[in-house]
PDB file of N, CA and C in Angstrom:
ATOM      1  N   UNK A   1     -17.109  -8.376   5.890  1.00  0.00           N
ATOM      2  CA  UNK A   1     -17.533  -6.992   5.717  1.00  0.00           C
ATOM      3  C   UNK A   1     -15.912  -6.103   6.119  1.00  0.00           C
ATOM      4  N   UNK A   2     -15.173  -5.333   5.375  1.00  0.00           N
ATOM      5  CA  UNK A   2     -14.090  -4.784   5.672  1.00  0.00           C
ATOM      6  C   UNK A   2     -14.666  -3.647   6.559  1.00  0.00           C
ATOM      7  N   UNK A   3     -13.965  -3.486   7.494  1.00  0.00           N
ATOM      8  CA  UNK A   3     -13.572  -2.106   8.507  1.00  0.00           C
ATOM      9  C   UNK A   3     -12.817  -1.435   8.855  1.00  0.00           C
ATOM     10  N   UNK A   4     -12.913   0.129   9.084  1.00  0.00           N
ATOM     11  CA  UNK A   4     -12.129   0.849   9.007  1.00  0.00           C
ATOM     12  C   UNK A   4     -11.328   0.640  10.312  1.00  0.00           C
ATOM     13  N   UNK A   5      -9.657   0.661  10.627  1.00  0.00           N
ATOM     14  CA  UNK A   5      -8.992   0.370  11.884  1.00  0.00           C
ATOM     15  C   UNK A   5      -9.214   1.084  13.120  1.00  0.00           C
ATOM     16  N   UNK A   6      -9.456   0.357  14.078  1.00  0.00           N
ATOM     17  CA  UNK A   6      -9.999   1.667  15.099  1.00  0.00           C
ATOM     18  C   UNK A   6      -8.551   1.872  15.503  1.00  0.00           C
ATOM     19  N   UNK A   7      -8.752   2.886  16.561  1.00  0.00           N
ATOM     20  CA  UNK A   7      -7.532   3.471  17.086  1.00  0.00           C
ATOM     21  C   UNK A   7      -6.370   2.556  17.643  1.00  0.00           C
ATOM     22  N   UNK A   8      -6.659   1.662  18.229  1.00  0.00           N
ATOM     23  CA  UNK A   8      -5.914   0.302  18.896  1.00  0.00           C
ATOM     24  C   UNK A   8      -5.296  -0.057  17.949  1.00  0.00           C
ATOM     25  N   UNK A   9      -6.140  -0.890  16.829  1.00  0.00           N
ATOM     26  CA  UNK A   9      -5.537  -1.400  15.769  1.00  0.00           C
ATOM     27  C   UNK A   9      -4.265  -0.759  15.099  1.00  0.00           C
ATOM     28  N   UNK A  10      -4.896   0.528  14.673  1.00  0.00           N
ATOM     29  CA  UNK A  10      -3.866   1.653  13.722  1.00  0.00           C
ATOM     30  C   UNK A  10      -2.494   1.773  14.442  1.00  0.00           C
ATOM     31  N   UNK A  11      -2.302   1.717  15.767  1.00  0.00           N
ATOM     32  CA  UNK A  11      -1.035   1.771  16.267  1.00  0.00           C
ATOM     33  C   UNK A  11      -0.279   0.643  16.048  1.00  0.00           C
ATOM     34  N   UNK A  12      -0.970  -0.663  16.643  1.00  0.00           N
ATOM     35  CA  UNK A  12      -0.073  -1.881  16.145  1.00  0.00           C
ATOM     36  C   UNK A  12      -0.024  -2.197  14.993  1.00  0.00           C
ATOM     37  N   UNK A  13      -0.766  -1.700  13.888  1.00  0.00           N
ATOM     38  CA  UNK A  13      -0.604  -2.126  12.700  1.00  0.00           C
ATOM     39  C   UNK A  13       0.238  -1.468  11.789  1.00  0.00           C
ATOM     40  N   UNK A  14      -0.201  -0.013  12.082  1.00  0.00           N
ATOM     41  CA  UNK A  14       0.701   1.080  11.275  1.00  0.00           C
ATOM     42  C   UNK A  14       2.072   1.191  11.345  1.00  0.00           C
ATOM     43  N   UNK A  15       2.126   1.384  12.971  1.00  0.00           N
ATOM     44  CA  UNK A  15       3.748   1.463  13.262  1.00  0.00           C
ATOM     45  C   UNK A  15       4.614   0.574  12.168  1.00  0.00           C
ATOM     46  N   UNK A  16       4.834  -0.711  12.471  1.00  0.00           N
ATOM     47  CA  UNK A  16       5.826  -1.127  11.935  1.00  0.00           C
ATOM     48  C   UNK A  16       6.002  -0.640  10.258  1.00  0.00           C
ATOM     49  N   UNK A  17       4.783  -0.267   9.508  1.00  0.00           N
ATOM     50  CA  UNK A  17       4.668  -0.358   8.166  1.00  0.00           C
ATOM     51  C   UNK A  17       5.478   1.483   8.043  1.00  0.00           C
ATOM     52  N   UNK A  18       4.950   2.099   8.975  1.00  0.00           N
ATOM     53  CA  UNK A  18       6.142   3.733   9.085  1.00  0.00           C
ATOM     54  C   UNK A  18       7.365   3.563   9.266  1.00  0.00           C
ATOM     55  N   UNK A  19       7.670   2.447  10.109  1.00  0.00           N
ATOM     56  CA  UNK A  19       9.131   2.396  10.330  1.00  0.00           C
ATOM     57  C   UNK A  19       9.691   1.866   9.138  1.00  0.00           C
ATOM     58  N   UNK A  20       8.832   1.092   8.408  1.00  0.00           N
ATOM     59  CA  UNK A  20       9.725   0.588   6.925  1.00  0.00           C
ATOM     60  C   UNK A  20       9.297   1.609   5.778  1.00  0.00           C
ATOM     61  N   UNK A  21       9.215   3.027   6.247  1.00  0.00           N
ATOM     62  CA  UNK A  21       9.318   4.040   4.966  1.00  0.00           C
ATOM     63  C   UNK A  21       7.823   4.205   4.362  1.00  0.00           C
ATOM     64  N   UNK A  22       6.761   3.605   4.907  1.00  0.00           N
ATOM     65  CA  UNK A  22       5.373   4.316   4.386  1.00  0.00           C
ATOM     66  C   UNK A  22       5.176   5.238   5.364  1.00  0.00           C
ATOM     67  N   UNK A  23       4.305   6.158   4.770  1.00  0.00           N
ATOM     68  CA  UNK A  23       4.057   7.605   5.255  1.00  0.00           C
ATOM     69  C   UNK A  23       2.324   7.749   5.500  1.00  0.00           C
ATOM     70  N   UNK A  24       2.039   8.064   6.551  1.00  0.00           N
ATOM     71  CA  UNK A  24       0.684   8.390   6.935  1.00  0.00           C
ATOM     72  C   UNK A  24       0.385   9.850   6.123  1.00  0.00           C
ATOM     73  N   UNK A  25      -0.909   9.640   5.418  1.00  0.00           N
ATOM     74  CA  UNK A  25      -1.452  10.848   4.985  1.00  0.00           C
ATOM     75  C   UNK A  25      -2.695  10.922   5.751  1.00  0.00           C
ATOM     76  N   UNK A  26      -2.709  11.944   7.083  1.00  0.00           N
ATOM     77  CA  UNK A  26      -4.063  12.073   7.726  1.00  0.00           C
ATOM     78  C   UNK A  26      -5.112  12.861   6.820  1.00  0.00           C
ATOM     79  N   UNK A  27      -4.898  13.504   5.968  1.00  0.00           N
ATOM     80  CA  UNK A  27      -5.783  14.137   5.428  1.00  0.00           C
ATOM     81  C   UNK A  27      -6.960  13.409   4.637  1.00  0.00           C
ATOM     82  N   UNK A  28      -6.332  12.306   4.054  1.00  0.00           N
ATOM     83  CA  UNK A  28      -7.114  11.159   3.282  1.00  0.00           C
ATOM     84  C   UNK A  28      -7.471   9.939   3.942  1.00  0.00           C
ATOM     85  N   UNK A  29      -6.191   9.714   5.237  1.00  0.00           N
ATOM     86  CA  UNK A  29      -6.551   8.710   5.882  1.00  0.00           C
ATOM     87  C   UNK A  29      -6.309   7.365   4.944  1.00  0.00           C
ATOM     88  N   UNK A  30      -4.840   7.862   4.619  1.00  0.00           N
ATOM     89  CA  UNK A  30      -4.321   6.675   3.880  1.00  0.00           C
ATOM     90  C   UNK A  30      -2.920   6.313   3.984  1.00  0.00           C
ATOM     91  N   UNK A  31      -2.140   5.584   3.445  1.00  0.00           N
ATOM     92  CA  UNK A  31      -0.821   5.307   3.434  1.00  0.00           C
ATOM     93  C   UNK A  31       0.235   5.340   2.185  1.00  0.00           C
ATOM     94  N   UNK A  32       1.246   5.938   2.145  1.00  0.00           N
ATOM     95  CA  UNK A  32       1.697   5.939   0.927  1.00  0.00           C
ATOM     96  C   UNK A  32       3.355   5.550   0.834  1.00  0.00           C
ATOM     97  N   UNK A  33       3.536   5.197  -0.040  1.00  0.00           N
ATOM     98  CA  UNK A  33       5.492   4.758  -0.155  1.00  0.00           C
ATOM     99  C   UNK A  33       6.035   4.871  -1.381  1.00  0.00           C
ATOM    100  N   UNK A  34       6.861   5.550  -1.683  1.00  0.00           N
ATOM    101  CA  UNK A  34       7.640   5.209  -3.381  1.00  0.00           C
ATOM    102  C   UNK A  34       8.753   4.327  -3.206  1.00  0.00           C
ATOM    103  N   UNK A  35       8.518   3.396  -4.098  1.00  0.00           N
ATOM    104  CA  UNK A  35       9.422   2.185  -4.595  1.00  0.00           C
ATOM    105  C   UNK A  35      10.358   2.582  -5.765  1.00  0.00           C
ATOM    106  N   UNK A  36      11.624   2.476  -5.105  1.00  0.00           N
ATOM    107  CA  UNK A  36      12.605   2.734  -6.435  1.00  0.00           C
ATOM    108  C   UNK A  36      13.456   1.312  -7.095  1.00  0.00           C
ATOM    109  N   UNK A  37      13.490   1.361  -8.399  1.00  0.00           N
ATOM    110  CA  UNK A  37      14.180   0.155  -8.690  1.00  0.00           C
ATOM    111  C   UNK A  37      15.557   0.439  -9.699  1.00  0.00           C
ATOM    112  N   UNK A  38      16.177  -0.584 -10.308  1.00  0.00           N
ATOM    113  CA  UNK A  38      17.139  -0.107 -11.027  1.00  0.00           C
ATOM    114  C   UNK A  38      16.669   0.451 -12.533  1.00  0.00           C
ATOM    115  N   UNK A  39      15.615  -0.028 -12.719  1.00  0.00           N
ATOM    116  CA  UNK A  39      14.866   0.501 -14.455  1.00  0.00           C
ATOM    117  C   UNK A  39      13.431  -0.052 -14.395  1.00  0.00           C
ATOM    118  N   UNK A  40      13.340   0.588 -15.450  1.00  0.00           N
ATOM    119  CA  UNK A  40      11.646   0.502 -15.832  1.00  0.00           C
ATOM    120  C   UNK A  40      11.470  -1.076 -15.944  1.00  0.00           C
ATOM    121  N   UNK A  41      12.180  -1.805 -16.550  1.00  0.00           N
ATOM    122  CA  UNK A  41      11.703  -3.394 -16.359  1.00  0.00           C
ATOM    123  C   UNK A  41      11.193  -3.784 -15.298  1.00  0.00           C
ATOM    124  N   UNK A  42      12.149  -3.567 -14.180  1.00  0.00           N
ATOM    125  CA  UNK A  42      12.145  -4.007 -13.116  1.00  0.00           C
ATOM    126  C   UNK A  42      10.816  -3.242 -12.203  1.00  0.00           C
ATOM    127  N   UNK A  43      10.799  -2.110 -12.356  1.00  0.00           N
ATOM    128  CA  UNK A  43       9.679  -1.132 -11.776  1.00  0.00           C
ATOM    129  C   UNK A  43       8.295  -2.074 -12.101  1.00  0.00           C
ATOM    130  N   UNK A  44       8.194  -2.285 -13.843  1.00  0.00           N
ATOM    131  CA  UNK A  44       7.024  -3.013 -14.332  1.00  0.00           C
ATOM    132  C   UNK A  44       6.795  -4.190 -13.876  1.00  0.00           C
ATOM    133  N   UNK A  45       8.029  -5.209 -13.380  1.00  0.00           N
ATOM    134  CA  UNK A  45       7.774  -6.548 -13.170  1.00  0.00           C
ATOM    135  C   UNK A  45       7.001  -6.628 -11.661  1.00  0.00           C
ATOM    136  N   UNK A  46       8.157  -5.544 -10.849  1.00  0.00           N
ATOM    137  CA  UNK A  46       7.340  -5.628  -9.336  1.00  0.00           C
ATOM    138  C   UNK A  46       5.609  -5.164  -9.497  1.00  0.00           C
ATOM    139  N   UNK A  47       5.542  -4.440 -10.577  1.00  0.00           N
ATOM    140  CA  UNK A  47       3.936  -3.852 -10.796  1.00  0.00           C
ATOM    141  C   UNK A  47       3.062  -5.223 -11.002  1.00  0.00           C
ATOM    142  N   UNK A  48       3.631  -5.954 -11.800  1.00  0.00           N
ATOM    143  CA  UNK A  48       2.902  -7.097 -12.458  1.00  0.00           C
ATOM    144  C   UNK A  48       2.262  -7.942 -11.391  1.00  0.00           C
ATOM    145  N   UNK A  49       3.747  -8.182 -10.393  1.00  0.00           N
ATOM    146  CA  UNK A  49       3.363  -9.196  -9.298  1.00  0.00           C
ATOM    147  C   UNK A  49       2.540  -8.633  -8.289  1.00  0.00           C
ATOM    148  N   UNK A  50       2.691  -7.046  -8.080  1.00  0.00           N
ATOM    149  CA  UNK A  50       1.966  -6.453  -7.038  1.00  0.00           C
ATOM    150  C   UNK A  50       0.296  -6.616  -7.538  1.00  0.00           C
ATOM    151  N   UNK A  51       0.216  -6.670  -8.949  1.00  0.00           N
ATOM    152  CA  UNK A  51      -1.059  -6.552  -9.398  1.00  0.00           C
ATOM    153  C   UNK A  51      -1.972  -7.984  -9.271  1.00  0.00           C
ATOM    154  N   UNK A  52      -1.422  -9.081  -9.423  1.00  0.00           N
ATOM    155  CA  UNK A  52      -1.752 -10.266  -8.980  1.00  0.00           C
ATOM    156  C   UNK A  52      -1.983 -10.415  -7.562  1.00  0.00           C
ATOM    157  N   UNK A  53      -1.411 -10.005  -6.701  1.00  0.00           N
ATOM    158  CA  UNK A  53      -1.825 -10.047  -5.363  1.00  0.00           C
ATOM    159  C   UNK A  53      -3.086  -9.218  -5.081  1.00  0.00           C
ATOM    160  N   UNK A  54      -3.164  -7.810  -5.668  1.00  0.00           N
ATOM    161  CA  UNK A  54      -4.275  -7.165  -5.459  1.00  0.00           C
ATOM    162  C   UNK A  54      -5.444  -7.588  -5.939  1.00  0.00           C
ATOM    163  N   UNK A  55      -5.257  -8.453  -7.008  1.00  0.00           N
ATOM    164  CA  UNK A  55      -6.588  -8.957  -7.625  1.00  0.00           C
ATOM    165  C   UNK A  55      -7.049  -9.975  -6.931  1.00  0.00           C
ATOM    166  N   UNK A  56      -6.035 -10.901  -6.603  1.00  0.00           N
ATOM    167  CA  UNK A  56      -6.247 -12.170  -5.784  1.00  0.00           C
ATOM    168  C   UNK A  56      -7.125 -11.960  -4.318  1.00  0.00           C
ATOM    169  N   UNK A  57      -6.911 -10.533  -3.442  1.00  0.00           N
ATOM    170  CA  UNK A  57      -7.596  -9.906  -2.388  1.00  0.00           C
ATOM    171  C   UNK A  57      -8.707  -8.952  -2.745  1.00  0.00           C
ATOM    172  N   UNK A  58      -8.466  -8.731  -4.151  1.00  0.00           N
ATOM    173  CA  UNK A  58      -9.671  -7.634  -4.466  1.00  0.00           C
ATOM    174  C   UNK A  58      -9.333  -6.438  -3.998  1.00  0.00           C
ATOM    175  N   UNK A  59      -8.198  -5.803  -3.452  1.00  0.00           N
ATOM    176  CA  UNK A  59      -7.747  -4.621  -2.923  1.00  0.00           C
ATOM    177  C   UNK A  59      -6.594  -4.197  -3.618  1.00  0.00           C
ATOM    178  N   UNK A  60      -7.211  -2.956  -4.568  1.00  0.00           N
ATOM    179  CA  UNK A  60      -5.976  -2.383  -5.439  1.00  0.00           C
ATOM    180  C   UNK A  60      -5.899  -1.111  -5.081  1.00  0.00           C
ATOM    181  N   UNK A  61      -4.285  -1.094  -5.598  1.00  0.00           N
ATOM    182  CA  UNK A  61      -3.680   0.268  -4.977  1.00  0.00           C
ATOM    183  C   UNK A  61      -3.973   1.480  -5.593  1.00  0.00           C
ATOM    184  N   UNK A  62      -3.758   2.672  -5.396  1.00  0.00           N
ATOM    185  CA  UNK A  62      -3.716   3.512  -6.339  1.00  0.00           C
ATOM    186  C   UNK A  62      -2.029   3.944  -6.731  1.00  0.00           C
ATOM    187  N   UNK A  63      -1.646   4.131  -7.886  1.00  0.00           N
ATOM    188  CA  UNK A  63       0.012   4.246  -7.949  1.00  0.00           C
ATOM    189  C   UNK A  63       0.004   4.749  -9.161  1.00  0.00           C
ATOM    190  N   UNK A  64       1.013   4.946  -9.334  1.00  0.00           N
ATOM    191  CA  UNK A  64       1.673   5.715 -10.802  1.00  0.00           C
ATOM    192  C   UNK A  64       3.145   5.198 -10.649  1.00  0.00           C
ATOM    193  N   UNK A  65       3.348   5.358 -12.156  1.00  0.00           N
ATOM    194  CA  UNK A  65       4.762   4.869 -12.158  1.00  0.00           C
ATOM    195  C   UNK A  65       5.745   5.882 -13.591  1.00  0.00           C
ATOM    196  N   UNK A  66       6.904   5.953 -13.029  1.00  0.00           N
ATOM    197  CA  UNK A  66       7.679   6.891 -13.924  1.00  0.00           C
ATOM    198  C   UNK A  66       8.912   6.066 -13.978  1.00  0.00           C
ATOM    199  N   UNK A  67       9.403   5.856 -14.959  1.00  0.00           N
ATOM    200  CA  UNK A  67      10.444   4.965 -15.278  1.00  0.00           C
ATOM    201  C   UNK A  67      10.974   3.990 -14.224  1.00  0.00           C
ATOM    202  N   UNK A  68      11.522   3.988 -13.227  1.00  0.00           N
ATOM    203  CA  UNK A  68      12.102   3.235 -12.096  1.00  0.00           C
ATOM    204  C   UNK A  68      11.430   3.618 -10.877  1.00  0.00           C
ATOM    205  N   UNK A  69      10.277   4.499 -10.938  1.00  0.00           N
ATOM    206  CA  UNK A  69       9.575   4.658  -9.589  1.00  0.00           C
ATOM    207  C   UNK A  69       8.353   4.552  -9.788  1.00  0.00           C
ATOM    208  N   UNK A  70       7.540   3.847  -8.407  1.00  0.00           N
ATOM    209  CA  UNK A  70       6.687   3.558  -8.395  1.00  0.00           C
ATOM    210  C   UNK A  70       6.007   3.916  -6.929  1.00  0.00           C
ATOM    211  N   UNK A  71       5.215   4.983  -7.389  1.00  0.00           N
ATOM    212  CA  UNK A  71       4.396   5.736  -5.817  1.00  0.00           C
ATOM    213  C   UNK A  71       2.974   5.025  -5.733  1.00  0.00           C
ATOM    214  N   UNK A  72       2.910   4.538  -4.434  1.00  0.00           N
ATOM    215  CA  UNK A  72       1.994   3.743  -4.116  1.00  0.00           C
ATOM    216  C   UNK A  72       0.994   4.405  -3.012  1.00  0.00           C
ATOM    217  N   UNK A  73      -0.183   4.536  -3.275  1.00  0.00           N
ATOM    218  CA  UNK A  73      -1.072   4.946  -2.167  1.00  0.00           C
ATOM    219  C   UNK A  73      -2.259   3.748  -1.868  1.00  0.00           C
ATOM    220  N   UNK A  74      -2.156   3.566  -0.236  1.00  0.00           N
ATOM    221  CA  UNK A  74      -3.239   2.669   0.073  1.00  0.00           C
ATOM    222  C   UNK A  74      -4.151   3.052   0.864  1.00  0.00           C
ATOM    223  N   UNK A  75      -5.711   3.100   0.888  1.00  0.00           N
ATOM    224  CA  UNK A  75      -6.825   3.466   1.430  1.00  0.00           C
ATOM    225  C   UNK A  75      -7.650   2.483   1.136  1.00  0.00           C
ATOM    226  N   UNK A  76      -8.834   2.370   1.915  1.00  0.00           N
ATOM    227  CA  UNK A  76     -10.151   1.325   1.420  1.00  0.00           C
ATOM    228  C   UNK A  76     -11.341   2.695   0.978  1.00  0.00           C
ATOM    229  N   UNK A  77     -11.615   2.473  -0.030  1.00  0.00           N
ATOM    230  CA  UNK A  77     -12.722   3.326  -0.293  1.00  0.00           C
ATOM    231  C   UNK A  77     -13.810   3.294   0.442  1.00  0.00           C
ATOM    232  N   UNK A  78     -14.252   1.791   0.270  1.00  0.00           N
ATOM    233  CA  UNK A  78     -15.577   1.445   0.854  1.00  0.00           C
ATOM    234  C   UNK A  78     -15.689   1.747   2.423  1.00  0.00           C
ATOM    235  N   UNK A  79     -14.610   2.087   3.273  1.00  0.00           N
ATOM    236  CA  UNK A  79     -14.860   2.504   4.756  1.00  0.00           C
ATOM    237  C   UNK A  79     -14.299   3.754   4.721  1.00  0.00           C
ATOM    238  N   UNK A  80     -13.761   4.610   3.621  1.00  0.00           N
ATOM    239  CA  UNK A  80     -13.324   6.174   3.598  1.00  0.00           C
ATOM    240  C   UNK A  80     -12.424   5.986   4.789  1.00  0.00           C
ATOM    241  N   UNK A  81     -11.291   5.201   4.492  1.00  0.00           N
ATOM    242  CA  UNK A  81     -10.028   5.380   5.295  1.00  0.00           C
ATOM    243  C   UNK A  81      -9.276   3.852   5.258  1.00  0.00           C
ATOM    244  N   UNK A  82      -8.333   3.550   6.098  1.00  0.00           N
ATOM    245  CA  UNK A  82      -7.273   2.625   6.468  1.00  0.00           C
ATOM    246  C   UNK A  82      -8.149   1.211   7.089  1.00  0.00           C
ATOM    247  N   UNK A  83      -7.809   0.568   6.301  1.00  0.00           N
ATOM    248  CA  UNK A  83      -8.489  -0.868   6.885  1.00  0.00           C
ATOM    249  C   UNK A  83      -7.269  -2.011   6.877  1.00  0.00           C
ATOM    250  N   UNK A  84      -7.501  -3.286   7.704  1.00  0.00           N
ATOM    251  CA  UNK A  84      -6.762  -3.934   7.436  1.00  0.00           C
ATOM    252  C   UNK A  84      -6.269  -4.473   6.142  1.00  0.00           C
ATOM    253  N   UNK A  85      -7.259  -4.523   4.940  1.00  0.00           N
ATOM    254  CA  UNK A  85      -6.568  -4.919   3.800  1.00  0.00           C
ATOM    255  C   UNK A  85      -5.356  -3.712   3.382  1.00  0.00           C
ATOM    256  N   UNK A  86      -5.473  -2.779   3.801  1.00  0.00           N
ATOM    257  CA  UNK A  86      -4.229  -1.817   3.474  1.00  0.00           C
ATOM    258  C   UNK A  86      -3.043  -2.106   4.326  1.00  0.00           C
ATOM    259  N   UNK A  87      -3.320  -2.848   5.319  1.00  0.00           N
ATOM    260  CA  UNK A  87      -1.877  -3.027   5.721  1.00  0.00           C
ATOM    261  C   UNK A  87      -1.476  -4.257   5.293  1.00  0.00           C
ATOM    262  N   UNK A  88      -2.248  -5.529   5.241  1.00  0.00           N
ATOM    263  CA  UNK A  88      -1.844  -6.237   4.466  1.00  0.00           C
ATOM    264  C   UNK A  88      -1.483  -6.321   3.450  1.00  0.00           C
ATOM    265  N   UNK A  89      -1.815  -5.383   2.309  1.00  0.00           N
ATOM    266  CA  UNK A  89      -1.124  -5.368   0.895  1.00  0.00           C
ATOM    267  C   UNK A  89       0.178  -4.513   0.824  1.00  0.00           C
ATOM    268  N   UNK A  90       0.344  -3.700   2.112  1.00  0.00           N
ATOM    269  CA  UNK A  90       1.409  -2.919   2.304  1.00  0.00           C
ATOM    270  C   UNK A  90       2.488  -3.972   2.402  1.00  0.00           C
ATOM    271  N   UNK A  91       2.319  -5.042   3.669  1.00  0.00           N
ATOM    272  CA  UNK A  91       3.361  -5.739   3.961  1.00  0.00           C
ATOM    273  C   UNK A  91       3.613  -6.780   2.424  1.00  0.00           C
ATOM    274  N   UNK A  92       2.769  -6.769   2.246  1.00  0.00           N
ATOM    275  CA  UNK A  92       3.107  -7.784   0.461  1.00  0.00           C
ATOM    276  C   UNK A  92       3.796  -7.170  -0.317  1.00  0.00           C
ATOM    277  N   UNK A  93       3.993  -5.691  -0.438  1.00  0.00           N
ATOM    278  CA  UNK A  93       4.359  -4.861  -1.477  1.00  0.00           C
ATOM    279  C   UNK A  93       5.902  -4.678  -0.801  1.00  0.00           C
ATOM    280  N   UNK A  94       5.976  -4.797   0.132  1.00  0.00           N
ATOM    281  CA  UNK A  94       7.301  -4.568   0.841  1.00  0.00           C
ATOM    282  C   UNK A  94       8.050  -6.138   0.702  1.00  0.00           C
ATOM    283  N   UNK A  95       7.573  -7.053   0.370  1.00  0.00           N
ATOM    284  CA  UNK A  95       8.398  -8.414   0.437  1.00  0.00           C
ATOM    285  C   UNK A  95       8.512  -8.818  -0.911  1.00  0.00           C
ATOM    286  N   UNK A  96       7.741  -8.113  -2.285  1.00  0.00           N
ATOM    287  CA  UNK A  96       7.930  -8.484  -3.658  1.00  0.00           C
ATOM    288  C   UNK A  96       9.246  -8.050  -4.238  1.00  0.00           C
TER     289      UNK A  96
END
């Protein structure tokens, strides 16, 4: 079962993500990032690759797409906050 990140784990896991452009939303206990691409096709292709990982890990982002921009928010609704799954998916999204 997925658990909410402990205070110790939060620092270790979130700091590298925050240094890589993710932003912490304390009000929701979530992280978000905007990804920008050359055009709509590249943005949509990235979303398709991201969707495959999200489905494989059964952990789905909140996201929206406008032309070449994809805004992503990650939180684990089952624990009402951030979990290791959010950090794992964020790291994957950064590599796609």
